[in-house]
Amino acid sequence: MRKVLQPVVVLFVVVNVICGILFRWLPSAGMDPIVLLAGNLLVFILTLLSCYLMKNGLTATSTTGFLSSVYGSFIMKLFFVGLVVVVYVKLSGDQMNVPAVFTSMVLYLLYTFIEVKGLLLLVKKD
């Protein structure tokens, strides 16, 4: 499982370091670094939970257990991220930072790709 989570942690650290380096420049480019860092943290935590659920699904003895784990992981991430975006849009109103939200959506896709690739490697190993 360590090999699955290592690229996820590396991506999290790289994004945080880049945001730290560009913290003063990002607002002039129209992106709120706080929103971007919060989005990165949210997607990172959800990816860790998702990896845990999918790992349990891989060790399930029944097909139903496997499918419920995989679908539950996917739905949990998708709905929770959607809920957070809706709440952010409602609370921020005209101050919503669209570039940071879209960058966070790209991060969601990157985290998901890395997670699935790592879990597929884990399955091939077994």
N, C-alpha and C. Protein backbone atom coordinates (compact mmCIF):
# COMPACT_ATOMS: atom_id res chain seq x y z
N MET A 1 0.83 -1.20 0.00
CA MET A 1 0.00 0.00 0.00
C MET A 1 0.87 1.26 0.00
N ARG A 2 2.06 1.12 0.52
CA ARG A 2 2.98 2.25 0.58
C ARG A 2 3.31 2.77 -0.82
N LYS A 3 3.46 1.86 -1.78
CA LYS A 3 3.77 2.26 -3.15
C LYS A 3 2.60 2.96 -3.82
N VAL A 4 1.40 2.68 -3.37
CA VAL A 4 0.21 3.34 -3.90
C VAL A 4 0.13 4.77 -3.37
N LEU A 5 0.41 4.94 -2.09
CA LEU A 5 0.26 6.24 -1.46
C LEU A 5 1.45 7.18 -1.69
N GLN A 6 2.62 6.63 -1.99
CA GLN A 6 3.79 7.48 -2.16
C GLN A 6 3.63 8.52 -3.27
N PRO A 7 3.17 8.17 -4.47
CA PRO A 7 2.98 9.21 -5.49
C PRO A 7 1.90 10.24 -5.11
N VAL A 8 0.91 9.82 -4.36
CA VAL A 8 -0.14 10.74 -3.91
C VAL A 8 0.46 11.77 -2.96
N VAL A 9 1.27 11.31 -2.03
CA VAL A 9 1.92 12.21 -1.07
C VAL A 9 2.90 13.14 -1.80
N VAL A 10 3.63 12.60 -2.77
CA VAL A 10 4.57 13.41 -3.55
C VAL A 10 3.82 14.52 -4.28
N LEU A 11 2.70 14.21 -4.91
CA LEU A 11 1.92 15.24 -5.60
C LEU A 11 1.44 16.30 -4.62
N PHE A 12 0.97 15.88 -3.45
CA PHE A 12 0.51 16.82 -2.44
C PHE A 12 1.64 17.78 -2.03
N VAL A 13 2.81 17.23 -1.77
CA VAL A 13 3.95 18.05 -1.35
C VAL A 13 4.39 18.98 -2.47
N VAL A 14 4.45 18.47 -3.71
CA VAL A 14 4.87 19.30 -4.84
C VAL A 14 3.92 20.48 -5.05
N VAL A 15 2.63 20.23 -5.00
CA VAL A 15 1.65 21.31 -5.16
C VAL A 15 1.79 22.34 -4.04
N ASN A 16 1.99 21.88 -2.81
CA ASN A 16 2.16 22.81 -1.69
C ASN A 16 3.45 23.63 -1.83
N VAL A 17 4.52 23.00 -2.27
CA VAL A 17 5.78 23.72 -2.45
C VAL A 17 5.63 24.76 -3.56
N ILE A 18 5.01 24.37 -4.67
CA ILE A 18 4.81 25.32 -5.77
C ILE A 18 3.95 26.49 -5.31
N CYS A 19 2.89 26.20 -4.58
CA CYS A 19 2.03 27.28 -4.05
C CYS A 19 2.81 28.16 -3.09
N GLY A 20 3.67 27.56 -2.29
CA GLY A 20 4.49 28.35 -1.36
C GLY A 20 5.45 29.27 -2.08
N ILE A 21 6.07 28.75 -3.13
CA ILE A 21 7.02 29.55 -3.90
C ILE A 21 6.31 30.68 -4.65
N LEU A 22 5.15 30.38 -5.21
CA LEU A 22 4.42 31.35 -6.03
C LEU A 22 3.33 32.09 -5.25
N PHE A 23 3.37 32.02 -3.91
CA PHE A 23 2.29 32.57 -3.08
C PHE A 23 2.01 34.04 -3.37
N ARG A 24 3.05 34.82 -3.55
CA ARG A 24 2.87 36.25 -3.79
C ARG A 24 2.51 36.54 -5.25
N TRP A 25 2.88 35.65 -6.16
CA TRP A 25 2.62 35.88 -7.58
C TRP A 25 1.23 35.42 -8.00
N LEU A 26 0.71 34.38 -7.38
CA LEU A 26 -0.58 33.81 -7.78
C LEU A 26 -1.73 34.82 -7.77
N PRO A 27 -1.86 35.69 -6.75
CA PRO A 27 -2.97 36.67 -6.79
C PRO A 27 -2.89 37.61 -8.00
N SER A 28 -1.68 37.97 -8.42
CA SER A 28 -1.57 38.85 -9.59
C SER A 28 -1.96 38.11 -10.86
N ALA A 29 -1.91 36.80 -10.82
CA ALA A 29 -2.34 35.99 -11.96
C ALA A 29 -3.83 35.65 -11.86
N GLY A 30 -4.51 36.14 -10.81
CA GLY A 30 -5.94 35.93 -10.66
C GLY A 30 -6.32 34.69 -9.87
N MET A 31 -5.36 34.06 -9.19
CA MET A 31 -5.67 32.83 -8.46
C MET A 31 -5.41 33.04 -6.96
N ASP A 32 -6.37 32.66 -6.16
CA ASP A 32 -6.25 32.76 -4.71
C ASP A 32 -5.49 31.54 -4.19
N PRO A 33 -4.28 31.74 -3.64
CA PRO A 33 -3.49 30.58 -3.19
C PRO A 33 -4.12 29.84 -2.01
N ILE A 34 -4.89 30.55 -1.18
CA ILE A 34 -5.54 29.89 -0.03
C ILE A 34 -6.60 28.91 -0.52
N VAL A 35 -7.38 29.32 -1.51
CA VAL A 35 -8.41 28.44 -2.08
C VAL A 35 -7.73 27.23 -2.74
N LEU A 36 -6.64 27.48 -3.45
CA LEU A 36 -5.93 26.39 -4.11
C LEU A 36 -5.34 25.41 -3.10
N LEU A 37 -4.74 25.93 -2.03
CA LEU A 37 -4.18 25.05 -1.00
C LEU A 37 -5.28 24.28 -0.28
N ALA A 38 -6.41 24.93 -0.02
CA ALA A 38 -7.53 24.23 0.63
C ALA A 38 -8.08 23.14 -0.29
N GLY A 39 -8.20 23.43 -1.58
CA GLY A 39 -8.66 22.42 -2.53
C GLY A 39 -7.70 21.25 -2.61
N ASN A 40 -6.40 21.55 -2.60
CA ASN A 40 -5.40 20.48 -2.64
C ASN A 40 -5.49 19.61 -1.40
N LEU A 41 -5.64 20.23 -0.23
CA LEU A 41 -5.76 19.47 1.01
C LEU A 41 -7.01 18.60 1.01
N LEU A 42 -8.12 19.17 0.57
CA LEU A 42 -9.38 18.42 0.52
C LEU A 42 -9.26 17.20 -0.39
N VAL A 43 -8.75 17.40 -1.58
CA VAL A 43 -8.64 16.29 -2.53
C VAL A 43 -7.63 15.26 -2.03
N PHE A 44 -6.56 15.70 -1.38
CA PHE A 44 -5.57 14.78 -0.82
C PHE A 44 -6.20 13.89 0.25
N ILE A 45 -6.94 14.49 1.18
CA ILE A 45 -7.58 13.71 2.25
C ILE A 45 -8.61 12.73 1.67
N LEU A 46 -9.40 13.20 0.71
CA LEU A 46 -10.38 12.31 0.08
C LEU A 46 -9.70 11.17 -0.67
N THR A 47 -8.56 11.44 -1.27
CA THR A 47 -7.83 10.40 -1.98
C THR A 47 -7.30 9.35 -1.01
N LEU A 48 -6.81 9.80 0.15
CA LEU A 48 -6.35 8.84 1.16
C LEU A 48 -7.50 7.94 1.62
N LEU A 49 -8.67 8.55 1.88
CA LEU A 49 -9.84 7.75 2.28
C LEU A 49 -10.26 6.81 1.16
N SER A 50 -10.22 7.29 -0.05
CA SER A 50 -10.60 6.48 -1.20
C SER A 50 -9.65 5.29 -1.37
N CYS A 51 -8.36 5.54 -1.20
CA CYS A 51 -7.38 4.45 -1.29
C CYS A 51 -7.65 3.39 -0.24
N TYR A 52 -7.99 3.84 0.96
CA TYR A 52 -8.29 2.90 2.03
C TYR A 52 -9.50 2.04 1.67
N LEU A 53 -10.56 2.69 1.18
CA LEU A 53 -11.77 1.94 0.80
C LEU A 53 -11.49 0.96 -0.34
N MET A 54 -10.75 1.43 -1.34
CA MET A 54 -10.46 0.54 -2.47
C MET A 54 -9.53 -0.60 -2.08
N LYS A 55 -8.60 -0.35 -1.18
CA LYS A 55 -7.72 -1.41 -0.70
C LYS A 55 -8.55 -2.47 0.01
N ASN A 56 -9.53 -2.05 0.80
CA ASN A 56 -10.42 -3.01 1.45
C ASN A 56 -11.24 -3.77 0.41
N GLY A 57 -11.63 -3.10 -0.65
CA GLY A 57 -12.38 -3.75 -1.72
C GLY A 57 -11.55 -4.80 -2.44
N LEU A 58 -10.26 -4.54 -2.56
CA LEU A 58 -9.39 -5.52 -3.24
C LEU A 58 -9.23 -6.79 -2.43
N THR A 59 -9.35 -6.68 -1.13
CA THR A 59 -9.20 -7.87 -0.29
C THR A 59 -10.55 -8.50 0.05
N ALA A 60 -11.63 -7.95 -0.48
CA ALA A 60 -12.97 -8.49 -0.21
C ALA A 60 -13.08 -9.89 -0.81
N THR A 61 -13.82 -10.74 -0.13
CA THR A 61 -13.98 -12.12 -0.59
C THR A 61 -15.12 -12.26 -1.58
N SER A 62 -15.98 -11.27 -1.64
CA SER A 62 -17.11 -11.36 -2.56
C SER A 62 -17.07 -10.23 -3.58
N THR A 63 -17.72 -10.48 -4.71
CA THR A 63 -17.80 -9.47 -5.75
C THR A 63 -18.60 -8.27 -5.26
N THR A 64 -19.63 -8.52 -4.49
CA THR A 64 -20.45 -7.44 -3.95
C THR A 64 -19.63 -6.53 -3.05
N GLY A 65 -18.79 -7.10 -2.22
CA GLY A 65 -17.92 -6.31 -1.35
C GLY A 65 -16.95 -5.46 -2.14
N PHE A 66 -16.39 -6.04 -3.19
CA PHE A 66 -15.47 -5.31 -4.05
C PHE A 66 -16.17 -4.14 -4.73
N LEU A 67 -17.32 -4.42 -5.35
CA LEU A 67 -18.04 -3.38 -6.09
C LEU A 67 -18.54 -2.27 -5.17
N SER A 68 -19.06 -2.64 -4.01
CA SER A 68 -19.55 -1.60 -3.10
C SER A 68 -18.41 -0.73 -2.60
N SER A 69 -17.25 -1.31 -2.41
CA SER A 69 -16.09 -0.53 -1.98
C SER A 69 -15.63 0.42 -3.07
N VAL A 70 -15.53 -0.05 -4.29
CA VAL A 70 -15.07 0.78 -5.41
C VAL A 70 -16.08 1.88 -5.71
N TYR A 71 -17.34 1.52 -5.84
CA TYR A 71 -18.36 2.52 -6.13
C TYR A 71 -18.53 3.50 -4.97
N GLY A 72 -18.47 3.00 -3.75
CA GLY A 72 -18.58 3.86 -2.58
C GLY A 72 -17.45 4.89 -2.53
N SER A 73 -16.26 4.44 -2.87
CA SER A 73 -15.11 5.34 -2.90
C SER A 73 -15.30 6.43 -3.94
N PHE A 74 -15.70 6.04 -5.14
CA PHE A 74 -15.91 6.99 -6.23
C PHE A 74 -17.01 7.99 -5.90
N ILE A 75 -18.14 7.49 -5.41
CA ILE A 75 -19.28 8.35 -5.11
C ILE A 75 -18.96 9.29 -3.94
N MET A 76 -18.25 8.77 -2.93
CA MET A 76 -17.87 9.60 -1.80
C MET A 76 -17.04 10.80 -2.26
N LYS A 77 -16.03 10.54 -3.07
CA LYS A 77 -15.18 11.63 -3.55
C LYS A 77 -15.97 12.61 -4.40
N LEU A 78 -16.73 12.10 -5.34
CA LEU A 78 -17.44 12.95 -6.28
C LEU A 78 -18.48 13.84 -5.57
N PHE A 79 -19.29 13.26 -4.71
CA PHE A 79 -20.32 14.03 -4.03
C PHE A 79 -19.75 14.99 -3.00
N PHE A 80 -18.73 14.57 -2.28
CA PHE A 80 -18.16 15.45 -1.28
C PHE A 80 -17.49 16.66 -1.93
N VAL A 81 -16.74 16.42 -3.01
CA VAL A 81 -16.12 17.54 -3.72
C VAL A 81 -17.20 18.45 -4.31
N GLY A 82 -18.23 17.87 -4.88
CA GLY A 82 -19.33 18.67 -5.41
C GLY A 82 -20.01 19.50 -4.34
N LEU A 83 -20.23 18.91 -3.18
CA LEU A 83 -20.84 19.62 -2.06
C LEU A 83 -19.97 20.79 -1.60
N VAL A 84 -18.68 20.55 -1.50
CA VAL A 84 -17.76 21.62 -1.08
C VAL A 84 -17.75 22.75 -2.10
N VAL A 85 -17.77 22.43 -3.39
CA VAL A 85 -17.79 23.47 -4.42
C VAL A 85 -19.09 24.27 -4.33
N VAL A 86 -20.22 23.61 -4.14
CA VAL A 86 -21.50 24.31 -4.03
C VAL A 86 -21.50 25.23 -2.80
N VAL A 87 -21.02 24.74 -1.68
CA VAL A 87 -20.97 25.56 -0.47
C VAL A 87 -20.03 26.75 -0.69
N TYR A 88 -18.88 26.51 -1.31
CA TYR A 88 -17.93 27.59 -1.58
C TYR A 88 -18.56 28.65 -2.49
N VAL A 89 -19.27 28.22 -3.52
CA VAL A 89 -19.91 29.16 -4.44
C VAL A 89 -20.95 29.99 -3.69
N LYS A 90 -21.75 29.34 -2.86
CA LYS A 90 -22.79 30.06 -2.12
C LYS A 90 -22.19 31.05 -1.12
N LEU A 91 -21.14 30.64 -0.41
CA LEU A 91 -20.55 31.50 0.61
C LEU A 91 -19.72 32.64 0.02
N SER A 92 -19.04 32.39 -1.08
CA SER A 92 -18.15 33.41 -1.63
C SER A 92 -18.86 34.40 -2.53
N GLY A 93 -19.98 34.00 -3.12
CA GLY A 93 -20.74 34.90 -3.99
C GLY A 93 -19.92 35.43 -5.14
N ASP A 94 -19.82 36.76 -5.24
CA ASP A 94 -19.06 37.37 -6.32
C ASP A 94 -17.56 37.24 -6.14
N GLN A 95 -17.11 36.87 -4.97
CA GLN A 95 -15.68 36.76 -4.68
C GLN A 95 -15.11 35.38 -5.03
N MET A 96 -15.93 34.53 -5.64
CA MET A 96 -15.47 33.18 -5.98
C MET A 96 -14.27 33.25 -6.91
N ASN A 97 -13.26 32.44 -6.61
CA ASN A 97 -12.05 32.43 -7.41
C ASN A 97 -12.12 31.24 -8.38
N VAL A 98 -12.59 31.50 -9.58
CA VAL A 98 -12.80 30.46 -10.59
C VAL A 98 -11.50 29.76 -10.98
N PRO A 99 -10.37 30.48 -11.21
CA PRO A 99 -9.14 29.77 -11.57
C PRO A 99 -8.69 28.76 -10.51
N ALA A 100 -8.82 29.11 -9.24
CA ALA A 100 -8.42 28.19 -8.18
C ALA A 100 -9.34 26.97 -8.13
N VAL A 101 -10.64 27.18 -8.36
CA VAL A 101 -11.59 26.06 -8.37
C VAL A 101 -11.28 25.12 -9.53
N PHE A 102 -11.02 25.68 -10.72
CA PHE A 102 -10.71 24.83 -11.86
C PHE A 102 -9.36 24.12 -11.69
N THR A 103 -8.40 24.79 -11.09
CA THR A 103 -7.12 24.13 -10.82
C THR A 103 -7.30 23.00 -9.82
N SER A 104 -8.17 23.20 -8.84
CA SER A 104 -8.46 22.14 -7.87
C SER A 104 -9.15 20.96 -8.57
N MET A 105 -9.98 21.25 -9.57
CA MET A 105 -10.63 20.18 -10.32
C MET A 105 -9.60 19.37 -11.12
N VAL A 106 -8.60 20.06 -11.65
CA VAL A 106 -7.52 19.37 -12.35
C VAL A 106 -6.73 18.51 -11.36
N LEU A 107 -6.49 19.04 -10.17
CA LEU A 107 -5.82 18.26 -9.13
C LEU A 107 -6.63 17.02 -8.76
N TYR A 108 -7.95 17.16 -8.70
CA TYR A 108 -8.83 16.01 -8.44
C TYR A 108 -8.59 14.91 -9.49
N LEU A 109 -8.53 15.31 -10.74
CA LEU A 109 -8.28 14.34 -11.82
C LEU A 109 -6.90 13.72 -11.69
N LEU A 110 -5.88 14.52 -11.38
CA LEU A 110 -4.52 13.99 -11.21
C LEU A 110 -4.46 12.99 -10.05
N TYR A 111 -5.04 13.37 -8.92
CA TYR A 111 -5.05 12.46 -7.76
C TYR A 111 -5.78 11.15 -8.11
N THR A 112 -6.90 11.25 -8.79
CA THR A 112 -7.66 10.06 -9.15
C THR A 112 -6.87 9.18 -10.10
N PHE A 113 -6.22 9.78 -11.08
CA PHE A 113 -5.40 9.01 -12.02
C PHE A 113 -4.27 8.29 -11.30
N ILE A 114 -3.58 9.00 -10.42
CA ILE A 114 -2.46 8.39 -9.68
C ILE A 114 -2.97 7.28 -8.77
N GLU A 115 -4.11 7.50 -8.13
CA GLU A 115 -4.69 6.49 -7.24
C GLU A 115 -5.05 5.22 -8.00
N VAL A 116 -5.74 5.37 -9.11
CA VAL A 116 -6.16 4.20 -9.89
C VAL A 116 -4.95 3.47 -10.46
N LYS A 117 -3.98 4.23 -10.96
CA LYS A 117 -2.76 3.61 -11.51
C LYS A 117 -2.02 2.81 -10.43
N GLY A 118 -1.91 3.38 -9.24
CA GLY A 118 -1.25 2.68 -8.15
C GLY A 118 -1.99 1.44 -7.71
N LEU A 119 -3.30 1.52 -7.64
CA LEU A 119 -4.09 0.35 -7.25
C LEU A 119 -4.04 -0.74 -8.31
N LEU A 120 -4.00 -0.35 -9.58
CA LEU A 120 -3.86 -1.35 -10.64
C LEU A 120 -2.51 -2.05 -10.56
N LEU A 121 -1.47 -1.31 -10.23
CA LEU A 121 -0.15 -1.93 -10.04
C LEU A 121 -0.19 -2.88 -8.85
N LEU A 122 -0.92 -2.51 -7.81
CA LEU A 122 -1.05 -3.36 -6.63
C LEU A 122 -1.78 -4.66 -6.98
N VAL A 123 -2.80 -4.57 -7.83
CA VAL A 123 -3.55 -5.75 -8.24
C VAL A 123 -2.67 -6.67 -9.10
N LYS A 124 -1.90 -6.08 -10.00
CA LYS A 124 -1.01 -6.89 -10.84
C LYS A 124 0.05 -7.60 -10.03
N LYS A 125 0.49 -6.95 -8.95
CA LYS A 125 1.52 -7.54 -8.08
C LYS A 125 1.03 -8.79 -7.38
N ASP A 126 -0.26 -8.79 -6.99
CA ASP A 126 -0.84 -9.93 -6.25
C ASP A 126 -1.10 -11.07 -7.13
